[in-house]
Amino acid sequence: SDVADDIGLVSSRVMLCAAHQAHMA
């Protein structure tokens, strides 16, 4: 997905990705 797609960035999905990054750290 890209920020230009559809409705762009949605808080819950961005938070999911951020949680993946934090958890991997």
PDB file of all heavy atoms in Angstrom:
ATOM      1  N   SER A   1       0.822  -1.215   0.000  1.00  0.00           N
ATOM      2  CA  SER A   1       0.000   0.000   0.000  1.00  0.00           C
ATOM      3  C   SER A   1       0.848   1.253   0.000  1.00  0.00           C
ATOM      4  O   SER A   1       1.992   1.267   0.460  1.00  0.00           O
ATOM      5  CB  SER A   1      -0.950   0.000   1.195  1.00  0.00           C
ATOM      6  OG  SER A   1      -0.225   0.071   2.407  1.00  0.00           O
ATOM      7  N   ASP A   2       0.259   2.331  -0.516  1.00  0.00           N
ATOM      8  CA  ASP A   2       0.932   3.616  -0.604  1.00  0.00           C
ATOM      9  C   ASP A   2       0.021   4.690  -0.042  1.00  0.00           C
ATOM     10  O   ASP A   2      -1.209   4.567  -0.099  1.00  0.00           O
ATOM     11  CB  ASP A   2       1.286   3.928  -2.065  1.00  0.00           C
ATOM     12  CG  ASP A   2       2.107   5.200  -2.197  1.00  0.00           C
ATOM     13  OD1 ASP A   2       3.331   5.129  -2.056  1.00  0.00           O
ATOM     14  OD2 ASP A   2       1.505   6.263  -2.424  1.00  0.00           O
ATOM     15  N   VAL A   3       0.609   5.749   0.496  1.00  0.00           N
ATOM     16  CA  VAL A   3      -0.202   6.808   1.102  1.00  0.00           C
ATOM     17  C   VAL A   3      -1.131   7.460   0.093  1.00  0.00           C
ATOM     18  O   VAL A   3      -2.144   8.069   0.469  1.00  0.00           O
ATOM     19  CB  VAL A   3       0.679   7.882   1.755  1.00  0.00           C
ATOM     20  CG1 VAL A   3       1.418   7.310   2.944  1.00  0.00           C
ATOM     21  CG2 VAL A   3       1.653   8.482   0.759  1.00  0.00           C
ATOM     22  N   ALA A   4      -0.833   7.350  -1.190  1.00  0.00           N
ATOM     23  CA  ALA A   4      -1.680   7.954  -2.210  1.00  0.00           C
ATOM     24  C   ALA A   4      -2.869   7.072  -2.574  1.00  0.00           C
ATOM     25  O   ALA A   4      -3.777   7.499  -3.277  1.00  0.00           O
ATOM     26  CB  ALA A   4      -0.859   8.254  -3.463  1.00  0.00           C
ATOM     27  N   ASP A   5      -2.855   5.830  -2.109  1.00  0.00           N
ATOM     28  CA  ASP A   5      -3.921   4.894  -2.436  1.00  0.00           C
ATOM     29  C   ASP A   5      -5.183   5.178  -1.634  1.00  0.00           C
ATOM     30  O   ASP A   5      -5.123   5.511  -0.455  1.00  0.00           O
ATOM     31  CB  ASP A   5      -3.484   3.452  -2.153  1.00  0.00           C
ATOM     32  CG  ASP A   5      -2.336   3.010  -3.036  1.00  0.00           C
ATOM     33  OD1 ASP A   5      -2.118   3.674  -4.062  1.00  0.00           O
ATOM     34  OD2 ASP A   5      -1.675   2.015  -2.701  1.00  0.00           O
ATOM     35  N   ASP A   6      -6.337   5.019  -2.274  1.00  0.00           N
ATOM     36  CA  ASP A   6      -7.620   4.991  -1.589  1.00  0.00           C
ATOM     37  C   ASP A   6      -7.766   6.162  -0.619  1.00  0.00           C
ATOM     38  O   ASP A   6      -7.721   7.316  -1.015  1.00  0.00           O
ATOM     39  CB  ASP A   6      -7.785   3.645  -0.867  1.00  0.00           C
ATOM     40  CG  ASP A   6      -9.200   3.398  -0.393  1.00  0.00           C
ATOM     41  OD1 ASP A   6     -10.127   3.961  -1.010  1.00  0.00           O
ATOM     42  OD2 ASP A   6      -9.382   2.667   0.587  1.00  0.00           O
ATOM     43  N   ILE A   7      -7.902   5.885   0.683  1.00  0.00           N
ATOM     44  CA  ILE A   7      -8.128   6.944   1.667  1.00  0.00           C
ATOM     45  C   ILE A   7      -6.850   7.328   2.414  1.00  0.00           C
ATOM     46  O   ILE A   7      -6.896   8.083   3.369  1.00  0.00           O
ATOM     47  CB  ILE A   7      -9.206   6.526   2.678  1.00  0.00           C
ATOM     48  CG1 ILE A   7      -8.789   5.269   3.446  1.00  0.00           C
ATOM     49  CG2 ILE A   7     -10.535   6.313   1.989  1.00  0.00           C
ATOM     50  CD1 ILE A   7      -9.732   4.921   4.577  1.00  0.00           C
ATOM     51  N   GLY A   8      -5.731   6.805   1.990  1.00  0.00           N
ATOM     52  CA  GLY A   8      -4.469   7.186   2.609  1.00  0.00           C
ATOM     53  C   GLY A   8      -4.242   6.510   3.951  1.00  0.00           C
ATOM     54  O   GLY A   8      -4.595   5.350   4.152  1.00  0.00           O
ATOM     55  N   LEU A   9      -3.663   7.241   4.874  1.00  0.00           N
ATOM     56  CA  LEU A   9      -3.267   6.682   6.166  1.00  0.00           C
ATOM     57  C   LEU A   9      -4.413   6.709   7.171  1.00  0.00           C
ATOM     58  O   LEU A   9      -5.074   7.724   7.344  1.00  0.00           O
ATOM     59  CB  LEU A   9      -2.074   7.453   6.720  1.00  0.00           C
ATOM     60  CG  LEU A   9      -0.790   7.364   5.885  1.00  0.00           C
ATOM     61  CD1 LEU A   9       0.231   8.386   6.379  1.00  0.00           C
ATOM     62  CD2 LEU A   9      -0.206   5.965   5.935  1.00  0.00           C
ATOM     63  N   VAL A  10      -4.616   5.586   7.830  1.00  0.00           N
ATOM     64  CA  VAL A  10      -5.646   5.443   8.861  1.00  0.00           C
ATOM     65  C   VAL A  10      -4.937   5.114  10.172  1.00  0.00           C
ATOM     66  O   VAL A  10      -4.027   4.279  10.206  1.00  0.00           O
ATOM     67  CB  VAL A  10      -6.640   4.324   8.489  1.00  0.00           C
ATOM     68  CG1 VAL A  10      -7.675   4.138   9.588  1.00  0.00           C
ATOM     69  CG2 VAL A  10      -7.304   4.644   7.157  1.00  0.00           C
ATOM     70  N   SER A  11      -5.345   5.763  11.237  1.00  0.00           N
ATOM     71  CA  SER A  11      -4.601   5.681  12.495  1.00  0.00           C
ATOM     72  C   SER A  11      -4.356   4.252  12.971  1.00  0.00           C
ATOM     73  O   SER A  11      -3.245   3.910  13.370  1.00  0.00           O
ATOM     74  CB  SER A  11      -5.334   6.468  13.583  1.00  0.00           C
ATOM     75  OG  SER A  11      -6.625   5.936  13.812  1.00  0.00           O
ATOM     76  N   SER A  12      -5.380   3.415  12.918  1.00  0.00           N
ATOM     77  CA  SER A  12      -5.248   2.071  13.486  1.00  0.00           C
ATOM     78  C   SER A  12      -4.226   1.230  12.740  1.00  0.00           C
ATOM     79  O   SER A  12      -3.444   0.484  13.342  1.00  0.00           O
ATOM     80  CB  SER A  12      -6.611   1.360  13.483  1.00  0.00           C
ATOM     81  OG  SER A  12      -7.196   1.423  12.191  1.00  0.00           O
ATOM     82  N   ARG A  13      -4.182   1.381  11.409  1.00  0.00           N
ATOM     83  CA  ARG A  13      -3.244   0.566  10.624  1.00  0.00           C
ATOM     84  C   ARG A  13      -1.818   1.104  10.749  1.00  0.00           C
ATOM     85  O   ARG A  13      -0.851   0.339  10.769  1.00  0.00           O
ATOM     86  CB  ARG A  13      -3.689   0.513   9.163  1.00  0.00           C
ATOM     87  CG  ARG A  13      -3.269  -0.762   8.445  1.00  0.00           C
ATOM     88  CD  ARG A  13      -4.213  -1.084   7.293  1.00  0.00           C
ATOM     89  NE  ARG A  13      -3.828  -2.343   6.683  1.00  0.00           N
ATOM     90  CZ  ARG A  13      -2.993  -2.451   5.661  1.00  0.00           C
ATOM     91  NH1 ARG A  13      -2.462  -1.357   5.127  1.00  0.00           N
ATOM     92  NH2 ARG A  13      -2.688  -3.627   5.150  1.00  0.00           N
ATOM     93  N   VAL A  14      -1.677   2.411  10.842  1.00  0.00           N
ATOM     94  CA  VAL A  14      -0.358   2.996  11.079  1.00  0.00           C
ATOM     95  C   VAL A  14       0.167   2.551  12.440  1.00  0.00           C
ATOM     96  O   VAL A  14       1.343   2.189  12.593  1.00  0.00           O
ATOM     97  CB  VAL A  14      -0.431   4.538  11.001  1.00  0.00           C
ATOM     98  CG1 VAL A  14       0.897   5.157  11.425  1.00  0.00           C
ATOM     99  CG2 VAL A  14      -0.793   4.981   9.592  1.00  0.00           C
ATOM    100  N   MET A  15      -0.697   2.548  13.443  1.00  0.00           N
ATOM    101  CA  MET A  15      -0.300   2.099  14.773  1.00  0.00           C
ATOM    102  C   MET A  15       0.112   0.634  14.774  1.00  0.00           C
ATOM    103  O   MET A  15       1.051   0.242  15.488  1.00  0.00           O
ATOM    104  CB  MET A  15      -1.441   2.323  15.774  1.00  0.00           C
ATOM    105  CG  MET A  15      -1.701   3.786  16.099  1.00  0.00           C
ATOM    106  SD  MET A  15      -3.120   4.017  17.191  1.00  0.00           S
ATOM    107  CE  MET A  15      -2.463   3.379  18.729  1.00  0.00           C
ATOM    108  N   LEU A  16      -0.573  -0.184  13.961  1.00  0.00           N
ATOM    109  CA  LEU A  16      -0.203  -1.596  13.854  1.00  0.00           C
ATOM    110  C   LEU A  16       1.220  -1.754  13.344  1.00  0.00           C
ATOM    111  O   LEU A  16       2.013  -2.530  13.878  1.00  0.00           O
ATOM    112  CB  LEU A  16      -1.163  -2.324  12.912  1.00  0.00           C
ATOM    113  CG  LEU A  16      -2.493  -2.781  13.481  1.00  0.00           C
ATOM    114  CD1 LEU A  16      -3.427  -3.171  12.347  1.00  0.00           C
ATOM    115  CD2 LEU A  16      -2.274  -3.973  14.408  1.00  0.00           C
ATOM    116  N   CYS A  17       1.547  -0.999  12.309  1.00  0.00           N
ATOM    117  CA  CYS A  17       2.877  -1.075  11.744  1.00  0.00           C
ATOM    118  C   CYS A  17       3.913  -0.579  12.741  1.00  0.00           C
ATOM    119  O   CYS A  17       4.991  -1.180  12.901  1.00  0.00           O
ATOM    120  CB  CYS A  17       2.948  -0.290  10.446  1.00  0.00           C
ATOM    121  SG  CYS A  17       4.474  -0.549   9.516  1.00  0.00           S
ATOM    122  N   ALA A  18       3.600   0.514  13.421  1.00  0.00           N
ATOM    123  CA  ALA A  18       4.507   1.042  14.445  1.00  0.00           C
ATOM    124  C   ALA A  18       4.712   0.033  15.570  1.00  0.00           C
ATOM    125  O   ALA A  18       5.830  -0.121  16.087  1.00  0.00           O
ATOM    126  CB  ALA A  18       3.952   2.350  15.004  1.00  0.00           C
ATOM    127  N   ALA A  19       3.649  -0.667  15.939  1.00  0.00           N
ATOM    128  CA  ALA A  19       3.762  -1.689  16.985  1.00  0.00           C
ATOM    129  C   ALA A  19       4.673  -2.821  16.537  1.00  0.00           C
ATOM    130  O   ALA A  19       5.454  -3.359  17.331  1.00  0.00           O
ATOM    131  CB  ALA A  19       2.378  -2.223  17.353  1.00  0.00           C
ATOM    132  N   HIS A  20       4.587  -3.189  15.260  1.00  0.00           N
ATOM    133  CA  HIS A  20       5.500  -4.201  14.726  1.00  0.00           C
ATOM    134  C   HIS A  20       6.944  -3.735  14.856  1.00  0.00           C
ATOM    135  O   HIS A  20       7.827  -4.516  15.251  1.00  0.00           O
ATOM    136  CB  HIS A  20       5.180  -4.477  13.254  1.00  0.00           C
ATOM    137  CG  HIS A  20       4.187  -5.570  13.042  1.00  0.00           C
ATOM    138  ND1 HIS A  20       4.552  -6.850  12.708  1.00  0.00           N
ATOM    139  CD2 HIS A  20       2.833  -5.579  13.112  1.00  0.00           C
ATOM    140  CE1 HIS A  20       3.471  -7.604  12.574  1.00  0.00           C
ATOM    141  NE2 HIS A  20       2.414  -6.849  12.816  1.00  0.00           N
ATOM    142  N   GLN A  21       7.198  -2.478  14.515  1.00  0.00           N
ATOM    143  CA  GLN A  21       8.560  -1.968  14.603  1.00  0.00           C
ATOM    144  C   GLN A  21       9.055  -1.937  16.049  1.00  0.00           C
ATOM    145  O   GLN A  21      10.179  -2.365  16.334  1.00  0.00           O
ATOM    146  CB  GLN A  21       8.654  -0.570  13.984  1.00  0.00           C
ATOM    147  CG  GLN A  21       8.508  -0.565  12.471  1.00  0.00           C
ATOM    148  CD  GLN A  21       8.702   0.814  11.891  1.00  0.00           C
ATOM    149  OE1 GLN A  21       7.728   1.523  11.672  1.00  0.00           O
ATOM    150  NE2 GLN A  21       9.943   1.205  11.632  1.00  0.00           N
ATOM    151  N   ALA A  22       8.240  -1.430  16.947  1.00  0.00           N
ATOM    152  CA  ALA A  22       8.633  -1.374  18.350  1.00  0.00           C
ATOM    153  C   ALA A  22       8.849  -2.776  18.913  1.00  0.00           C
ATOM    154  O   ALA A  22       9.815  -3.028  19.650  1.00  0.00           O
ATOM    155  CB  ALA A  22       7.569  -0.628  19.165  1.00  0.00           C
ATOM    156  N   HIS A  23       7.959  -3.688  18.564  1.00  0.00           N
ATOM    157  CA  HIS A  23       8.063  -5.051  19.092  1.00  0.00           C
ATOM    158  C   HIS A  23       9.308  -5.752  18.556  1.00  0.00           C
ATOM    159  O   HIS A  23       9.978  -6.474  19.298  1.00  0.00           O
ATOM    160  CB  HIS A  23       6.806  -5.848  18.743  1.00  0.00           C
ATOM    161  CG  HIS A  23       6.730  -7.154  19.454  1.00  0.00           C
ATOM    162  ND1 HIS A  23       6.612  -7.243  20.817  1.00  0.00           N
ATOM    163  CD2 HIS A  23       6.777  -8.443  18.989  1.00  0.00           C
ATOM    164  CE1 HIS A  23       6.572  -8.518  21.176  1.00  0.00           C
ATOM    165  NE2 HIS A  23       6.690  -9.261  20.098  1.00  0.00           N
ATOM    166  N   MET A  24       9.633  -5.498  17.279  1.00  0.00           N
ATOM    167  CA  MET A  24      10.847  -6.105  16.730  1.00  0.00           C
ATOM    168  C   MET A  24      12.080  -5.553  17.440  1.00  0.00           C
ATOM    169  O   MET A  24      13.023  -6.293  17.715  1.00  0.00           O
ATOM    170  CB  MET A  24      10.933  -5.840  15.226  1.00  0.00           C
ATOM    171  CG  MET A  24      12.004  -6.687  14.527  1.00  0.00           C
ATOM    172  SD  MET A  24      11.636  -8.460  14.572  1.00  0.00           S
ATOM    173  CE  MET A  24      13.030  -9.097  15.526  1.00  0.00           C
ATOM    174  N   ALA A  25      12.061  -4.267  17.740  1.00  0.00           N
ATOM    175  CA  ALA A  25      13.184  -3.689  18.489  1.00  0.00           C
ATOM    176  C   ALA A  25      13.339  -4.362  19.848  1.00  0.00           C
ATOM    177  O   ALA A  25      14.454  -4.696  20.269  1.00  0.00           O
ATOM    178  CB  ALA A  25      12.976  -2.182  18.657  1.00  0.00           C
TER     179      ALA A  25
END
